[in-house]
Protein backbone atom coordinates (compact mmCIF):
# COMPACT_ATOMS: atom_id res chain seq x y z
CA MET A 1 -84.96 40.21 -86.67
CA GLY A 2 -83.22 37.02 -85.81
CA LEU A 3 -83.83 33.56 -87.03
CA ILE A 4 -85.71 32.53 -83.94
CA GLY A 5 -87.85 35.66 -83.72
CA LEU A 6 -87.39 36.49 -80.08
CA THR A 7 -88.47 40.03 -80.52
CA THR A 8 -92.11 40.88 -80.97
CA THR A 9 -93.73 43.98 -82.32
CA ALA A 10 -96.80 45.95 -81.24
CA THR A 11 -98.88 48.37 -83.21
CA SER A 12 -98.89 51.88 -81.79
CA ALA A 13 -101.68 54.45 -81.95
CA SER A 14 -100.09 55.97 -85.04
CA GLY A 15 -100.25 52.63 -86.84
CA ARG A 16 -96.48 51.92 -86.76
CA GLN A 17 -95.10 48.69 -85.50
CA GLU A 18 -92.58 49.06 -82.72
CA PRO A 19 -90.39 46.35 -81.23
CA LEU A 20 -91.15 45.22 -77.68
CA ALA A 21 -88.86 43.65 -75.19
CA SER A 22 -89.90 40.16 -74.33
CA GLY A 23 -92.06 39.86 -71.21
CA THR A 24 -93.45 43.41 -71.30
CA ALA A 25 -97.18 43.97 -71.40
CA VAL A 26 -98.85 45.96 -74.12
CA LYS A 27 -100.61 49.05 -72.78
CA SER A 28 -104.02 49.73 -74.25
CA ASN A 29 -104.96 53.13 -75.57
CA SER A 30 -108.29 53.25 -73.69
CA LYS A 31 -108.49 55.47 -70.65
CA ALA A 32 -109.13 53.72 -67.37
CA ARG A 33 -112.08 55.25 -65.51
CA SER A 34 -112.06 55.67 -61.80
CA LYS A 35 -114.52 53.41 -60.02
CA GLY A 36 -115.89 56.16 -57.77
CA LYS A 37 -117.21 58.30 -60.58
CA LYS A 38 -120.39 57.40 -62.46
CA PRO A 39 -120.15 57.47 -66.23
CA LYS A 40 -122.45 59.89 -68.01
CA ARG A 41 -125.58 58.40 -69.49
CA SER A 42 -125.01 59.98 -72.83
CA ASN A 43 -122.92 62.52 -74.60
CA LEU A 44 -125.86 64.88 -75.16
CA PRO A 45 -125.50 68.56 -74.38
CA GLU A 46 -126.45 69.53 -70.84
CA GLY A 47 -129.45 71.61 -71.92
CA LEU A 48 -130.85 68.75 -73.96
CA GLU A 49 -130.42 66.32 -71.05
CA LYS A 50 -132.25 68.77 -68.79
CA ALA A 51 -135.09 69.10 -71.31
CA ILE A 52 -135.40 65.30 -71.56
CA GLU A 53 -135.40 64.99 -67.77
CA ASP A 54 -138.06 67.71 -67.43
CA THR A 55 -140.19 66.03 -70.08
CA SER A 56 -139.88 62.72 -68.28
CA LYS A 57 -140.93 64.29 -64.96
CA TYR A 58 -143.85 66.04 -66.67
CA ARG A 59 -145.05 62.78 -68.24
CA ALA A 60 -144.85 61.05 -64.85
CA GLN A 61 -146.94 63.84 -63.30
CA ILE A 62 -149.47 63.57 -66.13
CA LEU A 63 -149.80 59.81 -65.59
CA LYS A 64 -150.27 60.28 -61.84
CA SER A 65 -152.91 62.94 -62.46
CA LYS A 66 -154.67 60.69 -64.95
CA ASP A 67 -154.66 57.83 -62.43
CA ARG A 68 -156.06 60.11 -59.72
CA ARG A 69 -158.85 61.29 -62.04
CA LYS A 70 -159.65 57.70 -62.99
CA LYS A 71 -159.79 56.60 -59.33
CA LYS A 72 -162.00 59.58 -58.49
CA ARG A 73 -164.32 58.78 -61.41
CA LEU A 74 -164.57 55.13 -60.33
CA LYS A 75 -165.25 56.17 -56.74
CA LEU A 76 -168.05 58.49 -57.89
CA GLU A 77 -169.49 55.75 -60.11
CA ARG A 78 -169.50 53.25 -57.22
CA ARG A 79 -171.20 55.83 -55.02
CA ARG A 80 -173.82 56.57 -57.70
CA VAL A 81 -174.56 52.85 -58.15
CA ARG A 82 -174.83 52.37 -54.37
CA ILE A 83 -177.31 55.28 -54.15
CA GLU A 84 -179.35 53.93 -57.06
CA GLU A 85 -179.48 50.48 -55.45
CA SER A 86 -180.63 51.92 -52.13
CA ASP A 87 -183.27 54.04 -53.92
CA ALA A 88 -184.53 50.95 -55.75
CA LEU A 89 -184.75 49.08 -52.46
CA VAL A 90 -186.73 51.95 -50.91
CA ARG A 91 -189.10 52.04 -53.90
CA ARG A 92 -189.61 48.28 -53.69
CA VAL A 93 -190.37 48.39 -49.96
CA GLN A 94 -192.77 51.29 -50.50
CA ALA A 95 -194.53 49.42 -53.31
CA GLU A 96 -194.88 46.32 -51.14
CA ALA A 97 -196.25 48.40 -48.27
CA GLU A 98 -198.72 50.10 -50.61
CA GLN A 99 -199.88 46.75 -51.94
CA ALA A 100 -200.32 45.45 -48.37
CA ARG A 101 -202.38 48.55 -47.47
CA LEU A 102 -204.51 48.01 -50.56
CA ARG A 103 -205.12 44.34 -49.68
CA ILE A 104 -206.05 45.25 -46.11
CA SER A 105 -208.44 48.00 -47.17
CA CYS A 106 -210.04 45.67 -49.73
CA MET A 107 -210.36 42.95 -47.09
CA LYS A 108 -212.00 45.39 -44.63
CA ASP A 109 -214.46 46.54 -47.30
CA LEU A 110 -215.40 42.95 -48.10
CA LYS A 111 -215.87 42.11 -44.40
CA GLU A 112 -218.10 45.17 -43.94
CA ALA A 113 -220.11 44.06 -46.96
CA GLY A 114 -220.78 40.77 -45.17
CA PHE A 115 -218.64 38.32 -47.14
CA GLY A 116 -217.20 35.29 -45.36
CA ASP A 117 -213.51 34.71 -44.69
CA GLU A 118 -213.28 31.99 -47.33
CA ASP A 119 -214.90 34.21 -49.98
CA ILE A 120 -212.53 37.05 -49.07
CA SER A 121 -209.51 34.73 -49.31
CA ASN A 122 -210.59 33.50 -52.74
CA PHE A 123 -211.16 37.04 -53.99
CA LEU A 124 -207.82 38.31 -52.68
CA ARG A 125 -206.02 35.29 -54.14
CA GLN A 126 -207.50 36.10 -57.55
CA GLN A 127 -206.73 39.82 -57.28
CA PHE A 128 -203.27 39.79 -55.69
CA ASN A 129 -202.05 36.21 -56.23
CA GLN A 130 -201.66 35.80 -52.48
CA VAL A 131 -203.87 35.74 -49.44
CA PRO A 132 -203.30 38.11 -46.55
CA GLN A 133 -203.13 36.21 -43.32
CA LEU A 134 -205.77 37.13 -40.76
CA ASN A 135 -204.69 36.68 -37.16
CA SER A 136 -207.69 34.56 -36.17
CA ASP A 137 -207.75 32.63 -39.45
CA THR A 138 -204.01 32.01 -39.47
CA GLU A 139 -204.01 30.24 -36.14
CA SER A 140 -206.99 28.06 -37.02
CA SER A 141 -205.79 27.28 -40.56
CA ASP A 142 -202.30 26.41 -39.30
CA ASP A 143 -203.84 23.99 -36.83
CA GLU A 144 -205.98 22.42 -39.55
CA ASP A 145 -203.04 22.14 -41.99
CA SER A 146 -200.73 20.51 -39.50
CA GLU A 147 -203.30 17.85 -38.45
């Protein structure tokens, strides 16, 4: 080594220091990988990687199956609710029709018994909380109400 220290040293893989000529680059010990080849994900044995991949695929299939079952269950539930709503509507319409038939039959019985239209209206109002509209009475009462 001179007084100025023109020579430099580099540490080799074995741990020894070796002199370098000035201006030369130090080569690293790491291997350069080619850009075209993909690096492996892990250093696991091939069988273990295959098992992990199979497990991952199986779990994905299970999740898809679970989603399909859930969608099917929701579809069936929506259908059941729609059917129940339509049944309730039918029952309501039938009940209203039955009540209208009952009011009409009651009104006919009262007319046959000789009661007046005003008495029948009062009776039906008390019994059913509404008065059925008679064709002849409706026209005359509408005219009286509007005047």
